[in-house]
N, C-alpha and C. Protein backbone atom coordinates (compact mmCIF):
# COMPACT_ATOMS: atom_id res chain seq x y z
N MET A 1 0.73 -1.61 -0.03
CA MET A 1 -0.12 -0.04 0.01
C MET A 1 0.77 1.29 -0.14
N LEU A 2 1.96 1.17 0.68
CA LEU A 2 3.01 2.14 0.76
C LEU A 2 3.73 2.44 -0.28
N LYS A 3 3.66 1.57 -1.20
CA LYS A 3 4.73 1.66 -2.60
C LYS A 3 3.15 2.59 -3.35
N LYS A 4 2.26 1.97 -3.37
CA LYS A 4 1.33 2.20 -4.41
C LYS A 4 1.18 4.19 -4.07
N ILE A 5 1.27 4.11 -2.90
CA ILE A 5 0.81 5.96 -2.60
C ILE A 5 1.96 6.67 -3.01
N PHE A 6 3.37 6.10 -2.68
CA PHE A 6 4.41 6.74 -3.18
C PHE A 6 5.08 6.78 -4.65
N LEU A 7 4.29 5.80 -5.69
CA LEU A 7 4.06 5.88 -6.79
C LEU A 7 3.43 7.11 -7.72
N VAL A 8 2.11 6.78 -7.15
CA VAL A 8 0.93 7.75 -7.12
C VAL A 8 1.64 9.29 -6.93
N PHE A 9 1.84 9.55 -5.82
CA PHE A 9 2.44 11.00 -5.73
C PHE A 9 3.72 11.25 -6.30
N LEU A 10 4.93 10.23 -6.76
CA LEU A 10 5.66 10.49 -7.74
C LEU A 10 5.24 11.10 -9.25
N LEU A 11 4.27 10.25 -9.59
CA LEU A 11 4.19 10.19 -10.78
C LEU A 11 3.39 11.71 -10.53
N TYR A 12 2.56 12.63 -9.80
CA TYR A 12 1.55 13.69 -9.83
C TYR A 12 2.93 14.20 -9.89
N ILE A 13 3.93 13.98 -9.43
CA ILE A 13 4.84 15.45 -8.90
C ILE A 13 5.64 15.45 -10.69
N ILE A 14 5.83 14.16 -11.40
CA ILE A 14 6.42 14.54 -12.42
C ILE A 14 5.27 14.90 -13.70
N CYS A 15 4.40 14.73 -13.21
CA CYS A 15 3.18 15.26 -14.32
C CYS A 15 3.16 16.97 -13.87
N ALA A 16 3.14 17.43 -12.44
CA ALA A 16 2.35 18.72 -12.23
C ALA A 16 3.29 19.29 -12.26
N PHE A 17 4.35 19.32 -12.05
CA PHE A 17 5.78 20.09 -11.86
C PHE A 17 6.99 19.63 -12.93
N GLU A 18 6.49 21.06 -14.04
CA GLU A 18 7.56 20.66 -14.92
C GLU A 18 9.17 21.13 -14.89
N SER A 19 9.42 22.39 -14.13
CA SER A 19 10.34 22.45 -13.37
C SER A 19 11.05 21.25 -12.85
N ILE A 20 10.93 20.84 -12.35
CA ILE A 20 11.79 19.42 -11.52
C ILE A 20 11.30 17.95 -12.19
N ARG A 21 10.81 17.98 -13.24
CA ARG A 21 10.35 16.75 -13.84
C ARG A 21 11.32 16.02 -14.50
N LEU A 22 12.17 16.80 -14.61
CA LEU A 22 13.83 16.15 -14.82
C LEU A 22 14.46 15.42 -13.53
N PHE A 23 14.48 15.89 -12.71
CA PHE A 23 15.06 15.31 -11.32
C PHE A 23 14.41 14.55 -10.24
N SER A 24 12.57 14.54 -10.36
CA SER A 24 11.60 13.67 -10.08
C SER A 24 12.03 12.65 -10.82
N LEU A 25 12.34 12.18 -11.95
CA LEU A 25 12.03 11.26 -12.70
C LEU A 25 13.43 9.97 -12.28
N LEU A 26 14.62 11.24 -11.93
CA LEU A 26 15.96 10.46 -11.87
C LEU A 26 16.46 10.15 -10.36
N LEU A 27 15.45 10.45 -9.04
CA LEU A 27 15.66 10.91 -7.94
C LEU A 27 15.37 9.13 -7.55
N PRO A 28 14.13 8.25 -7.93
CA PRO A 28 14.33 7.16 -7.30
C PRO A 28 15.42 6.51 -7.60
N PRO A 29 15.91 6.02 -8.77
CA PRO A 29 17.06 5.33 -9.38
C PRO A 29 18.02 5.54 -8.21
N ILE A 30 18.21 7.13 -8.11
CA ILE A 30 19.53 7.80 -7.53
C ILE A 30 19.77 7.02 -6.37
N PHE A 31 18.70 6.96 -5.30
CA PHE A 31 18.42 6.66 -3.91
C PHE A 31 18.57 5.54 -3.80
N ILE A 32 18.19 4.41 -4.46
CA ILE A 32 18.49 3.60 -5.01
C ILE A 32 19.93 3.01 -4.73
N ILE A 33 20.54 3.70 -5.47
CA ILE A 33 22.07 3.13 -5.91
C ILE A 33 22.83 4.04 -4.52
N ASN A 34 22.24 4.90 -3.66
CA ASN A 34 23.03 5.18 -2.94
C ASN A 34 23.26 4.72 -1.15
N PHE A 35 21.69 4.17 -1.43
CA PHE A 35 21.27 3.80 -0.06
C PHE A 35 21.00 2.28 0.08
N THR A 36 21.21 1.53 -0.79
CA THR A 36 20.39 0.06 -0.99
C THR A 36 22.09 -0.79 -0.64
N LYS A 37 21.93 -2.00 -0.01
CA LYS A 37 22.60 -2.68 0.33
C LYS A 37 22.68 -3.76 -0.68
N SER A 38 21.62 -4.02 -1.10
CA SER A 38 21.66 -5.23 -2.34
C SER A 38 22.25 -4.79 -3.54
N LYS A 39 23.40 -5.63 -3.80
CA LYS A 39 24.27 -5.35 -5.56
C LYS A 39 23.00 -5.62 -6.44
N ARG A 40 22.15 -6.40 -6.80
CA ARG A 40 21.42 -6.79 -7.42
C ARG A 40 20.79 -5.81 -7.86
N LEU A 41 20.06 -4.99 -6.35
CA LEU A 41 19.30 -4.05 -6.47
C LEU A 41 19.61 -2.46 -6.92
N ARG A 42 20.87 -2.44 -6.56
CA ARG A 42 21.69 -1.35 -7.39
C ARG A 42 21.83 -1.39 -8.73
N ASN A 43 22.77 -2.40 -8.86
CA ASN A 43 22.93 -2.84 -10.64
C ASN A 43 21.62 -2.26 -11.39
N VAL A 44 20.25 -2.58 -10.98
CA VAL A 44 19.03 -2.57 -11.68
C VAL A 44 18.87 -0.65 -12.11
N ALA A 45 19.08 -0.24 -10.54
CA ALA A 45 18.74 1.13 -10.48
C ALA A 45 20.05 1.72 -11.48
N ILE A 46 21.13 1.40 -11.12
CA ILE A 46 22.08 1.90 -12.34
C ILE A 46 21.48 1.62 -13.48
N VAL A 47 21.07 0.35 -13.84
CA VAL A 47 20.76 0.81 -15.64
C VAL A 47 19.63 1.50 -15.73
N VAL A 48 18.17 1.30 -14.77
CA VAL A 48 16.89 2.20 -15.30
C VAL A 48 17.58 3.92 -15.18
N PHE A 49 18.81 4.15 -14.34
CA PHE A 49 18.79 5.43 -14.43
C PHE A 49 19.71 5.97 -16.06
N ILE A 50 20.33 4.83 -16.35
CA ILE A 50 21.44 4.88 -17.44
C ILE A 50 20.14 5.34 -18.41
N ILE A 51 19.10 4.06 -18.77
CA ILE A 51 18.24 4.22 -20.18
C ILE A 51 17.27 5.47 -19.79
N LEU A 52 16.77 5.85 -18.58
CA LEU A 52 16.12 7.18 -18.39
C LEU A 52 17.04 8.36 -18.60
N TRP A 53 18.30 8.49 -18.62
CA TRP A 53 19.14 9.33 -18.74
C TRP A 53 19.51 9.97 -19.90
N ASN A 54 19.75 8.24 -20.93
CA ASN A 54 19.54 8.56 -22.30
C ASN A 54 18.13 8.94 -23.08
N GLY A 55 16.99 8.40 -22.25
CA GLY A 55 15.59 8.79 -22.97
C GLY A 55 15.66 10.16 -23.15
N VAL A 56 16.27 10.77 -21.71
CA VAL A 56 15.56 12.57 -21.56
C VAL A 56 16.65 13.40 -22.99
N PHE A 57 17.87 12.50 -22.62
CA PHE A 57 19.20 12.77 -23.87
C PHE A 57 18.38 13.36 -24.92
N HIS A 58 18.48 11.96 -25.22
CA HIS A 58 17.67 11.35 -26.93
C HIS A 58 16.90 12.39 -27.31
N TYR A 59 15.62 12.59 -25.99
CA TYR A 59 14.51 13.01 -26.70
C TYR A 59 14.87 14.78 -26.93
N GLU A 60 15.75 15.42 -25.92
CA GLU A 60 16.01 16.79 -25.99
C GLU A 60 16.92 17.32 -27.54
N SER A 61 17.61 16.05 -27.81
CA SER A 61 18.31 16.26 -28.75
C SER A 61 17.57 16.01 -30.03
N LEU A 62 16.86 15.42 -30.53
CA LEU A 62 16.01 15.37 -31.15
C LEU A 62 14.47 15.91 -31.42
N ARG A 63 14.24 16.46 -30.35
CA ARG A 63 12.76 17.21 -30.01
C ARG A 63 12.73 18.34 -31.23
N GLN A 64 13.62 19.21 -31.17
CA GLN A 64 13.28 20.50 -31.95
C GLN A 64 13.38 20.00 -33.58
N PHE A 65 14.40 19.44 -33.47
CA PHE A 65 14.22 19.37 -35.59
C PHE A 65 13.75 18.07 -36.13
N PHE A 66 13.56 16.94 -35.06
CA PHE A 66 12.68 15.80 -35.81
C PHE A 66 11.57 15.47 -35.11
N LEU A 67 11.32 15.44 -33.76
CA LEU A 67 10.07 15.36 -32.82
C LEU A 67 9.10 16.00 -33.37
N SER A 68 9.20 17.36 -33.33
CA SER A 68 8.20 18.32 -33.41
C SER A 68 7.68 18.60 -35.16
N PRO A 69 8.45 18.29 -35.86
CA PRO A 69 8.23 18.56 -37.18
C PRO A 69 7.30 17.49 -37.75
N LEU A 70 7.81 15.91 -37.21
CA LEU A 70 7.12 14.80 -37.56
C LEU A 70 6.07 14.82 -36.83
N LEU A 71 5.81 15.07 -35.58
CA LEU A 71 3.85 14.90 -34.66
C LEU A 71 3.62 16.48 -35.54
N LYS A 72 3.94 17.27 -35.69
CA LYS A 72 3.49 18.71 -36.37
C LYS A 72 2.79 19.24 -34.72
N VAL A 73 4.28 19.09 -33.86
CA VAL A 73 3.12 19.84 -32.35
C VAL A 73 4.46 20.39 -31.91
N SER A 74 4.39 21.29 -30.87
CA SER A 74 5.27 22.01 -30.34
C SER A 74 5.52 21.26 -29.54
N LEU A 75 6.59 20.59 -28.87
CA LEU A 75 7.13 19.88 -27.74
C LEU A 75 7.92 20.55 -26.64
N SER A 76 7.86 20.30 -25.30
CA SER A 76 8.27 20.72 -23.91
C SER A 76 9.80 20.68 -23.83
N LYS A 77 10.50 21.71 -23.79
CA LYS A 77 11.70 21.71 -23.91
C LYS A 77 12.04 21.23 -22.10
N THR A 78 12.63 20.13 -21.94
CA THR A 78 13.24 19.68 -20.96
C THR A 78 14.00 20.76 -20.36
N LYS A 79 13.74 21.28 -18.95
CA LYS A 79 14.43 22.12 -18.58
C LYS A 79 15.60 21.61 -17.93
N PHE A 80 16.32 22.72 -17.27
CA PHE A 80 17.96 22.51 -16.97
C PHE A 80 18.66 21.39 -17.65
N LEU A 81 18.33 21.15 -19.01
CA LEU A 81 19.13 19.84 -20.08
C LEU A 81 20.20 21.54 -21.26
N PHE A 82 21.10 20.84 -21.45
CA PHE A 82 21.45 21.71 -22.34
C PHE A 82 20.69 21.99 -23.87
N PRO A 83 21.04 23.30 -24.81
CA PRO A 83 20.20 23.37 -25.69
C PRO A 83 19.95 22.48 -27.17
N PRO A 84 19.29 22.66 -27.94
CA PRO A 84 19.06 21.42 -28.54
C PRO A 84 19.81 20.72 -29.58
N ALA A 85 21.05 21.82 -30.17
CA ALA A 85 22.08 21.46 -30.92
C ALA A 85 23.04 20.47 -29.99
N GLY A 86 22.41 20.66 -29.03
CA GLY A 86 23.73 19.98 -28.12
C GLY A 86 25.22 20.46 -27.48
N TRP A 87 25.99 19.32 -27.02
CA TRP A 87 27.01 20.93 -26.21
C TRP A 87 27.87 21.43 -27.26
N ILE A 88 27.54 22.10 -28.48
CA ILE A 88 28.33 23.03 -28.81
C ILE A 88 27.36 24.15 -29.04
N MET A 89 26.38 24.20 -28.27
CA MET A 89 25.62 25.69 -28.00
C MET A 89 26.24 26.30 -26.93
N PHE A 90 27.25 25.39 -26.17
CA PHE A 90 27.46 26.18 -25.11
C PHE A 90 29.16 27.14 -25.88
N PHE A 91 29.44 27.41 -26.79
CA PHE A 91 30.27 28.07 -27.04
C PHE A 91 29.66 29.15 -27.73
N THR A 92 30.70 30.04 -28.07
CA THR A 92 30.07 31.06 -28.73
C THR A 92 30.89 31.25 -30.31
N ILE A 93 30.10 30.66 -31.09
CA ILE A 93 30.92 30.85 -32.78
C ILE A 93 30.47 31.85 -33.28
N SER A 94 31.33 32.73 -33.60
CA SER A 94 31.17 33.75 -34.74
C SER A 94 31.33 33.48 -36.05
N ASP A 95 30.88 34.30 -36.87
CA ASP A 95 31.04 34.51 -38.06
C ASP A 95 32.17 34.82 -38.47
N ASN A 96 33.28 35.66 -37.58
CA ASN A 96 34.40 36.56 -38.06
C ASN A 96 35.55 35.53 -37.38
N PHE A 97 36.73 35.53 -37.79
CA PHE A 97 37.80 35.16 -37.32
C PHE A 97 38.87 35.81 -37.60
N GLY A 98 40.03 35.71 -36.76
CA GLY A 98 41.12 36.39 -37.14
C GLY A 98 42.41 36.05 -36.39
N TYR A 99 43.61 35.66 -36.94
CA TYR A 99 44.96 35.19 -36.29
C TYR A 99 46.32 36.26 -36.41
N ILE A 100 47.19 35.95 -35.75
CA ILE A 100 48.16 36.65 -36.05
C ILE A 100 49.56 35.64 -37.01
N GLN A 101 50.18 36.58 -37.90
CA GLN A 101 50.81 36.12 -38.69
C GLN A 101 52.50 37.41 -38.44
N VAL A 102 53.63 36.22 -38.12
CA VAL A 102 54.65 37.09 -38.23
C VAL A 102 55.50 37.26 -39.27
N TYR A 103 56.27 38.12 -39.44
CA TYR A 103 57.10 38.08 -41.07
C TYR A 103 58.74 38.15 -40.34
N GLY A 104 59.75 37.73 -41.28
CA GLY A 104 61.02 38.15 -40.94
C GLY A 104 61.27 38.40 -42.21
N VAL A 105 61.75 39.64 -42.11
CA VAL A 105 62.65 40.57 -43.07
C VAL A 105 63.91 40.64 -43.40
N LYS A 106 64.44 39.70 -44.83
CA LYS A 106 65.71 39.90 -45.07
C LYS A 106 66.07 40.61 -46.17
N ASP A 107 66.65 41.27 -46.14
CA ASP A 107 67.42 42.03 -47.44
C ASP A 107 66.08 42.74 -47.95
N GLY A 108 65.53 43.41 -47.16
CA GLY A 108 63.70 44.11 -47.40
C GLY A 108 62.60 43.77 -47.91
N ARG A 109 62.72 42.10 -48.08
CA ARG A 109 61.95 41.23 -48.18
C ARG A 109 61.13 40.47 -47.00
N PRO A 110 59.64 40.55 -46.73
CA PRO A 110 59.22 39.67 -45.75
C PRO A 110 59.11 38.46 -46.08
N GLN A 111 59.13 37.53 -45.13
CA GLN A 111 59.11 35.70 -45.39
C GLN A 111 58.04 35.57 -44.30
N PRO A 112 56.75 35.09 -44.49
CA PRO A 112 56.02 34.53 -43.13
C PRO A 112 57.42 33.07 -42.67
N LEU A 113 56.77 33.14 -41.56
CA LEU A 113 57.07 31.99 -40.50
C LEU A 113 55.99 31.51 -39.59
N ASP A 114 56.19 30.03 -39.71
CA ASP A 114 55.40 28.94 -39.47
C ASP A 114 55.08 29.39 -37.80
N PRO A 115 54.22 29.66 -37.31
CA PRO A 115 53.97 29.62 -36.33
C PRO A 115 54.67 28.11 -35.05
N HIS A 116 54.61 27.09 -36.12
CA HIS A 116 54.89 25.90 -34.83
C HIS A 116 57.13 26.20 -35.00
N ASP A 117 57.31 27.34 -35.68
CA ASP A 117 59.06 27.27 -35.70
C ASP A 117 59.13 28.27 -34.59
N ILE A 118 58.03 29.43 -34.71
CA ILE A 118 58.14 30.28 -33.75
C ILE A 118 58.21 30.11 -32.04
N ILE A 119 56.63 29.44 -31.87
CA ILE A 119 56.72 28.53 -30.74
C ILE A 119 57.00 27.36 -30.85
N ARG A 120 57.91 26.88 -29.84
CA ARG A 120 58.11 24.86 -30.18
C ARG A 120 57.69 24.64 -28.62
N THR A 121 56.52 24.35 -28.32
CA THR A 121 56.22 23.94 -27.48
C THR A 121 55.47 22.48 -27.37
N ARG A 122 55.38 21.48 -26.63
CA ARG A 122 55.57 20.24 -27.00
C ARG A 122 53.39 20.04 -26.57
N THR A 123 52.99 19.65 -27.31
CA THR A 123 51.58 19.50 -27.13
C THR A 123 51.51 18.35 -26.68
N ILE A 124 49.80 18.12 -25.86
CA ILE A 124 49.27 17.18 -25.60
C ILE A 124 47.87 17.33 -25.67
N LEU A 125 47.65 16.69 -26.75
CA LEU A 125 46.04 16.37 -27.39
C LEU A 125 45.61 17.36 -27.86
N PHE A 126 46.48 18.73 -28.06
CA PHE A 126 45.66 19.76 -28.59
C PHE A 126 46.93 20.54 -29.07
N ASP A 127 46.76 21.24 -30.04
CA ASP A 127 48.09 22.12 -30.67
C ASP A 127 47.84 23.41 -30.24
N ASN A 128 48.55 24.44 -29.35
CA ASN A 128 48.66 25.49 -29.22
C ASN A 128 48.36 26.55 -30.07
N ILE A 129 48.84 26.22 -31.46
CA ILE A 129 49.09 27.22 -32.00
C ILE A 129 47.37 27.44 -33.04
N HIS A 130 46.80 26.13 -33.23
CA HIS A 130 45.29 26.21 -33.48
C HIS A 130 44.36 27.08 -32.22
N ARG A 131 44.91 27.05 -31.11
CA ARG A 131 44.23 27.77 -30.20
C ARG A 131 44.56 29.18 -30.13
N ASN A 132 45.20 29.60 -31.30
CA ASN A 132 45.79 30.91 -31.65
C ASN A 132 46.16 31.83 -30.27
N ILE A 133 47.39 31.29 -30.00
CA ILE A 133 48.50 31.16 -28.79
C ILE A 133 48.98 33.21 -29.32
N LEU A 134 49.32 33.07 -30.47
CA LEU A 134 50.45 33.93 -30.92
C LEU A 134 49.56 35.40 -30.57
N SER A 135 47.95 34.87 -30.54
CA SER A 135 47.70 36.55 -30.43
C SER A 135 47.82 37.10 -28.96
N GLN A 136 48.09 36.65 -28.21
CA GLN A 136 49.24 37.37 -26.72
C GLN A 136 50.40 38.63 -27.21
N VAL A 137 50.90 38.09 -28.39
CA VAL A 137 52.04 38.80 -28.90
C VAL A 137 51.71 40.49 -29.04
N THR A 138 50.68 40.61 -29.40
CA THR A 138 49.91 41.77 -29.73
C THR A 138 49.62 42.85 -28.60
N ASN A 139 49.81 42.35 -27.50
CA ASN A 139 49.71 42.73 -25.94
C ASN A 139 50.69 44.11 -25.76
N PRO A 140 50.83 44.89 -25.47
CA PRO A 140 52.26 46.17 -25.81
C PRO A 140 52.96 45.69 -24.90
N SER A 141 52.16 44.99 -23.38
CA SER A 141 53.68 44.62 -22.29
C SER A 141 54.27 43.33 -23.29
N VAL A 142 54.11 42.89 -24.13
CA VAL A 142 54.88 42.19 -24.19
C VAL A 142 55.50 42.17 -25.68
N ARG A 143 55.30 43.11 -26.10
CA ARG A 143 56.01 43.16 -27.82
C ARG A 143 57.21 43.27 -27.51
N SER A 144 57.97 43.93 -26.75
CA SER A 144 59.69 44.05 -26.71
C SER A 144 60.19 43.00 -26.51
N SER A 145 59.81 42.46 -24.95
CA SER A 145 60.38 40.78 -25.22
C SER A 145 60.05 39.63 -26.56
N PHE A 146 58.49 40.15 -26.92
CA PHE A 146 58.63 38.90 -28.29
C PHE A 146 59.50 39.52 -29.15
N CYS A 147 59.63 40.43 -29.43
CA CYS A 147 61.03 40.72 -30.54
C CYS A 147 62.21 40.04 -29.97
N GLN A 148 62.69 40.46 -28.66
CA GLN A 148 63.83 39.87 -28.03
C GLN A 148 64.46 38.96 -28.57
N TYR A 149 62.91 37.83 -28.00
CA TYR A 149 63.18 36.20 -28.39
C TYR A 149 62.86 36.31 -30.08
N LEU A 150 62.29 37.01 -30.79
CA LEU A 150 62.45 36.14 -32.29
C LEU A 150 63.47 36.65 -33.01
N ARG A 151 64.53 37.73 -32.39
CA ARG A 151 65.91 38.00 -33.08
C ARG A 151 66.78 36.61 -32.40
N TYR A 152 66.60 36.14 -31.14
CA TYR A 152 66.93 35.11 -30.09
C TYR A 152 66.89 33.84 -31.32
N ARG A 153 65.82 33.88 -31.65
CA ARG A 153 65.32 32.34 -32.61
C ARG A 153 65.68 32.38 -33.56
N PHE A 154 65.85 33.80 -34.66
CA PHE A 154 65.40 33.72 -35.85
C PHE A 154 66.70 34.59 -36.05
N PRO A 155 68.16 34.42 -35.88
CA PRO A 155 69.11 35.14 -36.27
C PRO A 155 69.56 35.95 -37.52
N LEU A 156 69.06 34.77 -38.40
CA LEU A 156 69.39 35.65 -39.94
C LEU A 156 68.60 36.44 -40.46
N PHE A 157 67.48 36.92 -39.66
CA PHE A 157 66.33 37.92 -40.25
C PHE A 157 67.04 38.97 -39.70
N ASP A 158 66.78 40.08 -40.75
CA ASP A 158 67.36 41.56 -40.14
C ASP A 158 66.23 42.51 -39.00
N ASP A 159 65.14 41.97 -39.50
CA ASP A 159 63.93 42.25 -38.58
C ASP A 159 62.61 41.11 -38.67
N PHE A 160 61.74 42.26 -37.99
CA PHE A 160 60.32 41.14 -37.92
C PHE A 160 59.17 41.96 -37.99
N LEU A 161 58.03 41.95 -38.85
CA LEU A 161 56.81 42.52 -38.90
C LEU A 161 56.07 41.56 -38.27
N ILE A 162 55.09 42.09 -37.14
CA ILE A 162 54.11 41.42 -36.41
C ILE A 162 52.65 41.60 -37.08
N THR A 163 51.53 40.79 -37.52
CA THR A 163 50.37 41.80 -38.40
C THR A 163 49.71 40.89 -37.92
N SER A 164 47.82 41.60 -38.08
CA SER A 164 46.81 40.80 -37.82
C SER A 164 46.06 40.46 -38.86
N ILE A 165 45.42 39.54 -39.06
CA ILE A 165 44.82 39.11 -40.03
C ILE A 165 43.47 38.72 -39.64
N TYR A 166 42.56 39.46 -40.72
CA TYR A 166 41.29 39.27 -39.92
C TYR A 166 40.34 39.51 -40.91
N TYR A 167 39.06 38.17 -40.90
CA TYR A 167 38.09 37.87 -42.06
C TYR A 167 37.06 38.18 -41.12
N SER A 168 35.86 39.45 -41.64
CA SER A 168 34.90 39.77 -41.58
C SER A 168 34.04 39.01 -41.13
N SER A 169 34.12 38.10 -42.04
CA SER A 169 32.53 37.09 -42.28
C SER A 169 33.10 35.44 -43.18
N ILE A 170 33.37 34.91 -42.14
CA ILE A 170 34.12 33.52 -43.06
C ILE A 170 33.05 32.81 -44.18
N THR A 171 31.67 33.05 -43.56
CA THR A 171 30.81 32.44 -44.47
C THR A 171 30.19 33.09 -45.93
N LYS A 172 29.90 34.36 -45.10
CA LYS A 172 29.95 35.33 -46.63
C LYS A 172 30.39 36.10 -47.33
N ARG A 173 31.52 36.12 -46.80
CA ARG A 173 32.85 36.65 -47.46
C ARG A 173 34.53 36.34 -47.37
N PRO A 174 34.14 34.86 -47.47
CA PRO A 174 35.50 33.95 -47.19
C PRO A 174 36.76 34.68 -47.70
N TYR A 175 36.48 35.36 -48.86
CA TYR A 175 38.17 35.74 -49.27
C TYR A 175 38.52 37.53 -48.86
N ASN A 176 37.30 38.10 -47.86
CA ASN A 176 37.48 39.23 -47.82
C ASN A 176 38.75 39.13 -46.45
N ARG A 177 39.75 39.50 -46.90
CA ARG A 177 40.97 39.20 -45.69
C ARG A 177 41.44 40.58 -45.86
N VAL A 178 42.03 40.97 -44.33
CA VAL A 178 42.20 42.05 -44.06
C VAL A 178 43.60 42.08 -43.32
N GLU A 179 44.65 42.67 -43.71
CA GLU A 179 46.04 42.22 -42.96
C GLU A 179 46.30 43.66 -42.30
N GLN A 180 46.63 43.69 -41.39
CA GLN A 180 46.98 45.16 -40.66
C GLN A 180 48.27 44.82 -39.90
N LEU A 181 49.53 45.83 -39.96
CA LEU A 181 50.33 45.66 -39.11
C LEU A 181 50.55 46.16 -37.91
N GLN A 182 50.76 45.42 -36.75
CA GLN A 182 50.74 45.77 -35.24
C GLN A 182 51.76 46.42 -34.88
N TYR A 183 53.07 45.90 -35.22
CA TYR A 183 53.88 46.62 -35.08
C TYR A 183 55.63 45.75 -35.54
N GLN A 184 56.46 46.87 -35.78
CA GLN A 184 57.59 46.38 -36.56
C GLN A 184 58.56 45.91 -35.49
N CYS A 185 59.56 45.03 -35.66
CA CYS A 185 60.30 44.77 -33.88
C CYS A 185 61.68 45.77 -34.17
N ALA A 186 61.51 46.72 -35.55
CA ALA A 186 63.25 47.56 -35.41
C ALA A 186 62.72 48.63 -34.54
N GLU A 187 61.14 48.93 -34.35
CA GLU A 187 60.91 50.32 -33.04
C GLU A 187 61.54 49.61 -31.67
N PHE A 188 62.11 48.64 -31.37
CA PHE A 188 62.14 47.65 -30.07
C PHE A 188 63.79 47.56 -29.63
N LYS A 189 64.70 48.04 -30.57
CA LYS A 189 65.90 47.94 -30.41
C LYS A 189 66.70 48.61 -29.17
């Protein structure tokens, strides 16, 4: 009798309160996982929790673009879960793009330097150059020391030019490239 009352109460909470629907649905398996001594019951609760969580995850992933148009109904969004496009929605991805290019000047002719040759760092699972680590060299407080480093690292060049390259819209105008001189190392001798 107590189990039936608990189940009716749980169903009422799940249906009545949209803001706690997700958590009230997942609470019983969580309590069983944490407070039961029976290994079999604990394993069943873990499986139920995983099935419910996957159901909620896939519902939210498919709701806006597939389920709503298929059923021709606006389905409700699960609160406190990530947006319909998934984890990528947590990042701000803009249409513009920019990076820093360093040129070594020899006999008056600039030559682009590979960022991997400029900054020799060992990477673990990611590339610092692709994460735009060179963008820090435009900071006025590090310009002088960066020029000293370039002179030490590339003694064959007479001077160095640090430019910024900017694309205002990658998708609409992919070839609209603006390159602007940030500074020249001859200024910091």
